[in-house]
Amino acid sequence: MIYFITGVTGTVVPLIVEELMRKDDNPLFYFAIRKDAKGNGIQQRFESLVETLDLDDAEKQKLSARSTLVQIDVEKEKLGIEPGLYNELVTKVEKILHGAADVRFDQPYDEIKISNVVFSHKIYDLFDEIKNHRKKTGQSDATLYYISTGYAYGIYKKKIPEDFPDFKPGKPDNTYARTKAEAKIFILDKINRLNDRIVLFEPTIIGGSAKTGKTKTYNLHYVVLMLGYLGKLPFFTAADNQQDIVPVDWVADVISDIMAKDEFHQGVIRLACGPDAATVGHVHDAGYEYFTANDPIPGHEIPKIAFVPRWVFYFMINAQKTFNQAMYKMTGKKKYRKMVVGVRLLEGYFPYITRYKVFENAKSTQLLERYTDCPKAPMLQNIKDKNGNLVKKGYIDKILADALETGWGGLVDYDRVAKQVAAGKRPR
């Protein structure tokens, strides 16, 4: 099978590529890559990526030999792809996986729209040309696979439905959710009007691997756990709200199965725990217990977070932001501006934690059973029966172990924290 893939330098897509190397007997890849902000070229970025993959040396060499790199510019016509290479994509590619996106929650709409909406439109234009070429030449139909998000539904006071082919999102939580909703509306229109072969994947919160606990990005729930470990989050809220966290390796396994088996060609698959999702309170309790028992810094006390009503929590957050804004205006000291920026970033995570977010997933579970070899989403939490006996062990300890062992991917400087603890200061 010949694939055109975007997002290979991200979090999920590299694992999908690993799985396709194992599941497809004869894969060929075109990878869309851009130069990064540090000036690294596409060849250097790709070679660095291949070295990080969970493949042996022979498999890495095979992947490199079977890969063609496509330099793109999202803001240019036909993605800025060299005309000869663009024509090659149109005539050869059988499947497109569009996994690239800007997943930051604090970006201006006009900027993030380019990555999440404009990019999707141009990927569809390429798909449309491929689709029409294959029909004219009597070849098998092409398929477009698009990685969306369950959070495209925005603010929803009820369970978030599996409503394909309809889609009625609520008010967006942030610019990320807004742009992903716009892209989904665009893609669904192509299915509903043109009957295109398009599959949308809707993962919820993607966490570390269920096998190892490891992750490439320590965002969202990781940030909250980190602030709790450092004693920087004395209050929180919504302990009963669910945290629908699915492991990155399971997400990659499902998507690669759908692509390699080539049997499911149109619809939406939600990748969620649904009613089995862990609660915020459970994640806190598990984190507190694990970090306290395994803290690498002697004498470091980790306070338990006090859960308060939502209005109290938001009042305290707004008061802190207002105070630091005022102090920055009065003194001009950067430390106050950094606090304001930090609070704003944290606020971007709040809709995913403090608001009611429960995802229906019964239809998607049936699709998984029919079209993949994957079970439903692995449980994050450890489950106990009414007598307190452990009856099903989740993978949360693996995530917590990885976070602590790596210092949240280098975000926590243990030497600095140890010095602050020894001096009787609060960790920073």
Protein backbone atom coordinates (compact mmCIF):
# COMPACT_ATOMS: atom_id res chain seq x y z
CA MET A 1 0.00 0.00 0.00
CA ILE A 2 1.24 3.51 -0.80
CA TYR A 3 0.58 6.15 1.88
CA PHE A 4 0.85 9.94 2.06
CA ILE A 5 1.19 10.89 5.73
CA THR A 6 1.23 14.19 7.61
CA GLY A 7 2.19 14.67 11.26
CA VAL A 8 5.01 12.13 11.37
CA THR A 9 7.01 14.36 13.73
CA GLY A 10 4.11 14.48 16.20
CA THR A 11 3.05 12.23 19.06
CA VAL A 12 0.71 9.60 17.58
CA VAL A 13 1.63 9.30 13.91
CA PRO A 14 5.15 7.86 14.46
CA LEU A 15 3.59 4.95 16.37
CA ILE A 16 1.09 4.44 13.56
CA VAL A 17 3.98 4.22 11.11
CA GLU A 18 5.68 1.63 13.33
CA GLU A 19 2.52 -0.46 13.27
CA LEU A 20 2.06 -0.10 9.51
CA MET A 21 5.59 -1.41 9.04
CA ARG A 22 4.50 -4.54 10.89
CA LYS A 23 0.97 -4.93 9.50
CA ASP A 24 1.45 -4.04 5.83
CA ASP A 25 3.54 -6.52 3.83
CA ASN A 26 4.59 -3.93 1.25
CA PRO A 27 4.28 -0.34 2.57
CA LEU A 28 5.60 2.70 0.74
CA PHE A 29 5.46 6.15 2.34
CA TYR A 30 5.41 9.76 1.30
CA PHE A 31 5.93 11.91 4.40
CA ALA A 32 4.91 15.58 4.43
CA ILE A 33 7.46 17.44 6.55
CA ARG A 34 8.31 21.08 7.16
CA LYS A 35 11.52 22.69 8.34
CA ASP A 36 11.33 23.30 12.09
CA ALA A 37 11.77 26.57 13.97
CA LYS A 38 15.41 25.68 14.70
CA GLY A 39 16.23 25.53 11.01
CA ASN A 40 16.53 21.75 10.79
CA GLY A 41 15.80 20.51 7.27
CA ILE A 42 13.30 17.80 6.43
CA GLN A 43 15.95 15.11 5.90
CA GLN A 44 17.56 15.82 9.27
CA ARG A 45 14.17 15.84 11.01
CA PHE A 46 13.19 12.54 9.41
CA GLU A 47 16.49 10.82 10.25
CA SER A 48 16.24 11.98 13.86
CA LEU A 49 12.68 10.68 14.03
CA VAL A 50 13.57 7.25 12.61
CA GLU A 51 16.20 6.80 15.33
CA THR A 52 13.54 7.21 18.01
CA LEU A 53 11.18 4.58 16.60
CA ASP A 54 10.69 1.22 18.27
CA LEU A 55 12.07 -0.67 15.27
CA ASP A 56 15.23 -2.74 14.95
CA ASP A 57 18.07 -1.56 12.69
CA ALA A 58 16.89 -3.61 9.72
CA GLU A 59 13.35 -2.23 10.03
CA LYS A 60 14.67 1.33 10.29
CA GLN A 61 16.72 0.86 7.14
CA LYS A 62 13.70 -0.63 5.39
CA LEU A 63 11.54 2.34 6.43
CA SER A 64 14.12 4.84 5.18
CA ALA A 65 14.46 3.00 1.87
CA ARG A 66 10.68 2.98 1.40
CA SER A 67 10.15 6.64 2.29
CA THR A 68 10.02 9.75 0.12
CA LEU A 69 10.11 13.10 1.90
CA VAL A 70 7.79 15.85 0.69
CA GLN A 71 8.60 19.38 1.77
CA ILE A 72 5.42 21.39 2.27
CA ASP A 73 4.31 24.95 2.93
CA VAL A 74 0.71 25.01 4.17
CA GLU A 75 0.14 28.60 3.07
CA LYS A 76 1.13 27.99 -0.56
CA GLU A 77 -0.96 26.60 -3.41
CA LYS A 78 -0.92 22.80 -3.49
CA LEU A 79 1.02 22.91 -0.21
CA GLY A 80 4.04 24.30 -2.04
CA ILE A 81 4.91 20.82 -3.26
CA GLU A 82 7.18 20.69 -6.31
CA PRO A 83 4.90 20.10 -9.36
CA GLY A 84 6.55 16.88 -10.50
CA LEU A 85 6.34 15.39 -7.02
CA TYR A 86 2.75 16.58 -6.61
CA ASN A 87 1.79 14.78 -9.81
CA GLU A 88 3.57 11.67 -8.50
CA LEU A 89 1.43 11.80 -5.37
CA VAL A 90 -1.74 12.09 -7.43
CA THR A 91 -0.86 9.11 -9.61
CA LYS A 92 0.58 6.77 -6.99
CA VAL A 93 -0.89 7.36 -3.51
CA GLU A 94 -3.70 5.05 -2.35
CA LYS A 95 -4.29 6.28 1.20
CA ILE A 96 -3.81 9.58 3.00
CA LEU A 97 -3.40 9.88 6.76
CA HIS A 98 -3.79 13.47 7.90
CA GLY A 99 -2.50 13.51 11.46
CA ALA A 100 -0.84 16.93 11.60
CA ALA A 101 -2.36 19.59 13.85
CA ASP A 102 -1.49 22.40 16.22
CA VAL A 103 -2.75 21.06 19.55
CA ARG A 104 -1.96 24.09 21.69
CA PHE A 105 -4.88 25.60 23.57
CA ASP A 106 -3.69 29.21 23.85
CA GLN A 107 -3.06 30.19 20.23
CA PRO A 108 -4.78 33.09 18.41
CA TYR A 109 -7.53 31.83 16.14
CA ASP A 110 -6.08 33.32 12.92
CA GLU A 111 -2.80 31.49 13.51
CA ILE A 112 -4.07 28.08 14.57
CA LYS A 113 -6.66 28.13 11.78
CA ILE A 114 -3.88 27.76 9.22
CA SER A 115 -2.60 24.51 10.77
CA ASN A 116 -5.96 22.98 11.62
CA VAL A 117 -8.42 24.23 9.01
CA VAL A 118 -6.54 25.52 5.96
CA PHE A 119 -4.20 22.51 6.05
CA SER A 120 -7.17 20.12 6.15
CA HIS A 121 -8.77 21.83 3.14
CA LYS A 122 -5.59 21.47 1.10
CA ILE A 123 -5.12 17.85 2.12
CA TYR A 124 -8.66 17.20 0.93
CA ASP A 125 -7.89 18.92 -2.38
CA LEU A 126 -4.99 16.49 -2.87
CA PHE A 127 -7.22 13.58 -1.90
CA ASP A 128 -9.86 14.75 -4.38
CA GLU A 129 -7.33 14.73 -7.19
CA ILE A 130 -6.09 11.27 -6.19
CA LYS A 131 -9.68 10.00 -5.95
CA ASN A 132 -10.61 11.29 -9.40
CA HIS A 133 -7.41 10.00 -11.00
CA ARG A 134 -7.96 6.51 -9.63
CA LYS A 135 -11.57 6.47 -10.86
CA LYS A 136 -10.53 7.55 -14.35
CA THR A 137 -7.81 4.91 -14.54
CA GLY A 138 -9.98 2.11 -13.15
CA GLN A 139 -8.00 1.67 -9.93
CA SER A 140 -9.31 0.91 -6.45
CA ASP A 141 -10.82 3.81 -4.51
CA ALA A 142 -8.58 6.01 -2.39
CA THR A 143 -9.31 6.60 1.31
CA LEU A 144 -8.61 9.64 3.50
CA TYR A 145 -8.04 9.08 7.23
CA TYR A 146 -8.30 12.19 9.39
CA ILE A 147 -7.39 12.43 13.07
CA SER A 148 -9.86 14.78 14.73
CA THR A 149 -10.68 14.94 18.47
CA GLY A 150 -13.63 14.16 20.72
CA TYR A 151 -13.23 17.68 22.11
CA ALA A 152 -14.38 19.23 18.83
CA TYR A 153 -17.85 19.08 20.43
CA GLY A 154 -16.92 21.90 22.82
CA ILE A 155 -19.15 22.68 25.80
CA TYR A 156 -21.73 19.92 26.22
CA LYS A 157 -23.90 19.61 29.32
CA LYS A 158 -25.01 16.09 28.40
CA LYS A 159 -23.08 13.04 27.25
CA ILE A 160 -21.25 13.82 24.04
CA PRO A 161 -23.04 11.75 21.39
CA GLU A 162 -21.84 9.56 18.55
CA ASP A 163 -24.02 11.32 16.02
CA PHE A 164 -22.42 10.53 12.65
CA PRO A 165 -23.30 11.60 9.98
CA ASP A 166 -24.58 14.63 11.93
CA PHE A 167 -22.43 16.92 14.04
CA LYS A 168 -23.83 19.61 16.32
CA PRO A 169 -20.99 21.01 18.43
CA GLY A 170 -21.50 23.30 21.39
CA LYS A 171 -19.64 26.53 22.07
CA PRO A 172 -15.91 25.78 21.65
CA ASP A 173 -13.72 25.51 24.73
CA ASN A 174 -10.81 27.29 23.03
CA THR A 175 -9.38 28.10 19.59
CA TYR A 176 -8.05 24.56 19.21
CA ALA A 177 -11.51 23.03 19.69
CA ARG A 178 -13.02 25.66 17.40
CA THR A 179 -10.67 24.90 14.52
CA LYS A 180 -11.01 21.14 14.92
CA ALA A 181 -14.80 21.53 14.82
CA GLU A 182 -14.55 23.62 11.64
CA ALA A 183 -12.31 21.02 10.01
CA LYS A 184 -14.69 18.22 11.00
CA ILE A 185 -17.69 20.09 9.56
CA PHE A 186 -15.76 20.49 6.29
CA ILE A 187 -14.82 16.79 6.16
CA LEU A 188 -18.32 15.58 7.06
CA ASP A 189 -19.75 17.72 4.29
CA LYS A 190 -17.63 15.77 1.79
CA ILE A 191 -18.98 12.50 3.15
CA ASN A 192 -22.61 13.63 3.23
CA ARG A 193 -22.66 15.33 -0.18
CA LEU A 194 -20.12 13.35 -2.19
CA ASN A 195 -20.13 9.99 -0.39
CA ASP A 196 -16.33 10.19 -0.14
CA ARG A 197 -14.37 7.39 1.48
CA ILE A 198 -13.22 9.24 4.60
CA VAL A 199 -12.66 7.90 8.11
CA LEU A 200 -12.47 10.28 11.06
CA PHE A 201 -10.79 9.22 14.29
CA GLU A 202 -11.82 11.03 17.47
CA PRO A 203 -9.39 10.36 20.32
CA THR A 204 -10.05 12.03 23.65
CA ILE A 205 -7.05 12.86 25.89
CA ILE A 206 -4.02 10.93 24.65
CA GLY A 207 -1.79 9.79 27.49
CA GLY A 208 1.34 7.69 27.82
CA SER A 209 1.76 4.19 26.48
CA ALA A 210 -0.23 1.43 28.19
CA LYS A 211 2.81 -0.83 27.73
CA THR A 212 5.51 1.47 29.10
CA GLY A 213 3.80 4.62 30.41
CA LYS A 214 6.10 6.75 28.25
CA THR A 215 4.99 9.82 26.32
CA LYS A 216 6.57 12.48 24.11
CA THR A 217 4.52 15.35 25.52
CA TYR A 218 3.78 16.13 29.16
CA ASN A 219 0.67 18.27 28.77
CA LEU A 220 -2.76 18.61 30.37
CA HIS A 221 -3.16 16.02 33.16
CA TYR A 222 0.63 15.77 33.39
CA VAL A 223 0.86 19.50 34.12
CA VAL A 224 -1.75 19.27 36.86
CA LEU A 225 0.06 16.30 38.43
CA MET A 226 3.35 18.19 38.23
CA LEU A 227 1.92 21.26 39.95
CA GLY A 228 0.49 19.01 42.64
CA TYR A 229 3.89 17.36 43.15
CA LEU A 230 5.54 20.77 43.51
CA GLY A 231 2.86 22.02 45.90
CA LYS A 232 1.84 24.73 43.43
CA LEU A 233 -1.80 23.69 43.19
CA PRO A 234 -3.23 23.73 46.73
CA PHE A 235 -6.82 23.88 45.46
CA PHE A 236 -8.61 22.23 42.59
CA THR A 237 -12.16 21.37 41.65
CA ALA A 238 -14.47 18.85 39.97
CA ALA A 239 -13.11 15.70 41.62
CA ASP A 240 -16.01 13.66 40.20
CA ASN A 241 -15.45 14.79 36.60
CA GLN A 242 -14.11 12.13 34.28
CA GLN A 243 -10.68 12.24 32.69
CA ASP A 244 -11.11 10.32 29.45
CA ILE A 245 -7.47 9.37 28.90
CA VAL A 246 -6.55 6.78 26.27
CA PRO A 247 -3.02 5.38 25.79
CA VAL A 248 -1.09 6.53 22.75
CA ASP A 249 -0.08 3.00 21.72
CA TRP A 250 -3.71 1.83 21.72
CA VAL A 251 -4.74 4.81 19.57
CA ALA A 252 -1.96 4.00 17.09
CA ASP A 253 -2.89 0.31 17.10
CA VAL A 254 -6.53 1.03 16.24
CA ILE A 255 -5.75 3.52 13.46
CA SER A 256 -3.10 1.28 11.88
CA ASP A 257 -5.45 -1.70 12.01
CA ILE A 258 -8.18 0.23 10.18
CA MET A 259 -5.70 1.40 7.55
CA ALA A 260 -3.91 -1.92 7.00
CA LYS A 261 -7.01 -4.14 7.00
CA ASP A 262 -8.65 -1.84 4.43
CA GLU A 263 -12.22 -2.84 5.29
CA PHE A 264 -13.74 0.24 7.00
CA HIS A 265 -13.81 3.20 4.64
CA GLN A 266 -16.36 5.74 5.85
CA GLY A 267 -17.50 7.02 9.22
CA VAL A 268 -16.29 8.15 12.62
CA ILE A 269 -14.55 6.05 15.25
CA ARG A 270 -14.35 7.60 18.71
CA LEU A 271 -11.28 6.48 20.62
CA ALA A 272 -12.46 6.92 24.21
CA CYS A 273 -12.91 5.11 27.49
CA GLY A 274 -16.49 6.37 27.67
CA PRO A 275 -18.25 5.37 30.92
CA ASP A 276 -15.09 3.60 32.12
CA ALA A 277 -13.00 6.79 32.24
CA ALA A 278 -11.19 7.63 35.48
CA THR A 279 -12.22 10.63 37.59
CA VAL A 280 -10.09 13.67 38.41
CA GLY A 281 -10.18 12.65 42.07
CA HIS A 282 -8.92 9.16 41.28
CA VAL A 283 -6.02 10.50 39.21
CA HIS A 284 -5.11 12.87 42.07
CA ASP A 285 -5.26 10.16 44.73
CA ALA A 286 -3.19 7.74 42.64
CA GLY A 287 -0.64 10.46 41.88
CA TYR A 288 -0.36 11.57 45.49
CA GLU A 289 0.10 8.01 46.70
CA TYR A 290 2.70 7.13 44.07
CA PHE A 291 4.72 10.35 44.25
CA THR A 292 4.80 10.25 48.05
CA ALA A 293 6.01 6.64 48.09
CA ASN A 294 8.62 7.15 45.33
CA ASP A 295 9.74 10.78 45.72
CA PRO A 296 13.45 11.03 44.73
CA ILE A 297 13.96 14.08 46.98
CA PRO A 298 14.39 13.32 50.70
CA GLY A 299 12.31 15.56 52.94
CA HIS A 300 10.13 16.84 50.15
CA GLU A 301 6.54 17.08 51.37
CA ILE A 302 3.79 16.75 48.78
CA PRO A 303 0.57 18.35 50.03
CA LYS A 304 -2.78 16.84 49.18
CA ILE A 305 -4.89 19.05 46.97
CA ALA A 306 -8.09 20.36 48.55
CA PHE A 307 -11.10 20.08 46.23
CA VAL A 308 -13.41 23.10 46.37
CA PRO A 309 -16.57 24.19 44.50
CA ARG A 310 -16.01 25.41 40.95
CA TRP A 311 -16.88 29.02 41.70
CA VAL A 312 -14.36 29.13 44.55
CA PHE A 313 -11.63 27.66 42.37
CA TYR A 314 -12.26 30.02 39.45
CA PHE A 315 -12.47 32.99 41.82
CA MET A 316 -9.03 32.15 43.24
CA ILE A 317 -7.54 31.67 39.77
CA ASN A 318 -8.91 35.00 38.53
CA ALA A 319 -7.74 36.76 41.69
CA GLN A 320 -4.23 35.39 41.21
CA LYS A 321 -4.16 36.44 37.56
CA THR A 322 -5.45 39.94 38.36
CA PHE A 323 -2.91 40.36 41.17
CA ASN A 324 0.04 39.36 38.98
CA GLN A 325 -1.15 41.56 36.11
CA ALA A 326 -1.35 44.53 38.49
CA MET A 327 2.07 43.79 39.98
CA TYR A 328 3.63 43.54 36.53
CA LYS A 329 2.17 46.92 35.54
CA MET A 330 3.42 48.47 38.78
CA THR A 331 6.90 46.94 38.92
CA GLY A 332 7.66 45.72 35.39
CA LYS A 333 9.24 42.58 36.90
CA LYS A 334 9.23 39.63 34.53
CA LYS A 335 8.38 37.14 37.25
CA TYR A 336 4.85 38.56 37.48
CA ARG A 337 4.38 38.40 33.71
CA LYS A 338 5.57 34.79 33.75
CA MET A 339 2.94 34.03 36.38
CA VAL A 340 0.21 35.58 34.20
CA VAL A 341 1.36 33.58 31.16
CA GLY A 342 1.46 30.39 33.27
CA VAL A 343 -2.06 30.93 34.62
CA ARG A 344 -3.40 31.56 31.12
CA LEU A 345 -1.80 28.36 29.85
CA LEU A 346 -3.28 26.42 32.77
CA GLU A 347 -6.69 27.95 32.04
CA GLY A 348 -6.49 26.40 28.58
CA TYR A 349 -6.53 22.97 30.22
CA PHE A 350 -9.46 23.65 32.56
CA PRO A 351 -12.29 22.83 30.11
CA TYR A 352 -10.86 19.33 29.74
CA ILE A 353 -10.82 18.77 33.49
CA THR A 354 -13.27 21.04 35.29
CA ARG A 355 -16.19 20.81 32.86
CA TYR A 356 -18.49 17.84 32.45
CA LYS A 357 -17.08 15.74 29.59
CA VAL A 358 -18.56 12.27 29.20
CA PHE A 359 -18.20 10.57 25.84
CA GLU A 360 -20.50 7.95 24.39
CA ASN A 361 -18.51 5.18 22.71
CA ALA A 362 -20.81 2.16 22.32
CA LYS A 363 -21.07 2.43 18.51
CA SER A 364 -17.33 2.88 18.15
CA THR A 365 -16.65 -0.12 20.38
CA GLN A 366 -18.77 -2.22 18.02
CA LEU A 367 -16.77 -0.91 15.06
CA LEU A 368 -13.52 -1.84 16.81
CA GLU A 369 -14.79 -5.36 17.41
CA ARG A 370 -15.79 -5.74 13.76
CA TYR A 371 -12.93 -4.06 11.91
CA THR A 372 -9.87 -4.35 14.18
CA ASP A 373 -8.04 -6.82 16.39
CA CYS A 374 -7.99 -4.24 19.19
CA PRO A 375 -9.97 -4.48 22.43
CA LYS A 376 -11.76 -1.45 23.82
CA ALA A 377 -9.61 1.25 25.40
CA PRO A 378 -7.41 -0.03 28.26
CA MET A 379 -8.37 1.21 31.71
CA LEU A 380 -6.27 3.98 33.22
CA GLN A 381 -7.38 3.43 36.78
CA ASN A 382 -7.08 0.54 39.21
CA ILE A 383 -10.53 -0.87 40.00
CA LYS A 384 -11.47 -2.24 43.42
CA ASP A 385 -14.55 -4.21 44.41
CA LYS A 386 -16.82 -3.36 47.37
CA ASN A 387 -14.46 -5.23 49.70
CA GLY A 388 -11.48 -3.18 48.57
CA ASN A 389 -9.89 -5.97 46.55
CA LEU A 390 -8.13 -5.09 43.31
CA VAL A 391 -9.99 -6.76 40.47
CA LYS A 392 -8.59 -4.97 37.41
CA LYS A 393 -5.25 -3.19 37.26
CA GLY A 394 -4.97 -0.16 35.01
CA TYR A 395 -1.80 1.41 33.63
CA ILE A 396 -1.78 4.63 35.68
CA ASP A 397 1.26 3.55 37.72
CA LYS A 398 3.28 3.31 34.49
CA ILE A 399 2.36 6.88 33.56
CA LEU A 400 3.20 8.14 37.05
CA ALA A 401 6.50 6.26 37.07
CA ASP A 402 7.54 7.73 33.73
CA ALA A 403 6.60 11.26 34.84
CA LEU A 404 8.61 10.97 38.04
CA GLU A 405 11.61 9.21 36.48
CA THR A 406 11.96 11.80 33.70
CA GLY A 407 11.02 14.83 35.80
CA TRP A 408 8.06 15.37 33.50
CA GLY A 409 10.33 15.21 30.48
CA GLY A 410 12.87 17.57 32.06
CA LEU A 411 10.37 20.19 33.24
CA VAL A 412 11.24 19.53 36.89
CA ASP A 413 14.87 20.15 37.94
CA TYR A 414 15.29 17.79 40.89
CA ASP A 415 18.63 19.28 41.95
CA ARG A 416 17.05 22.70 42.17
CA VAL A 417 14.02 21.39 44.06
CA ALA A 418 16.32 19.53 46.48
CA LYS A 419 18.26 22.73 47.21
CA GLN A 420 15.03 24.63 47.81
CA VAL A 421 13.77 21.91 50.14
CA ALA A 422 17.08 21.93 52.04
CA ALA A 423 16.83 25.71 52.38
CA GLY A 424 13.24 25.44 53.60
CA LYS A 425 11.91 27.16 50.49
CA ARG A 426 8.91 26.29 48.41
CA PRO A 427 9.83 24.46 45.16
CA ARG A 428 9.58 26.41 41.90
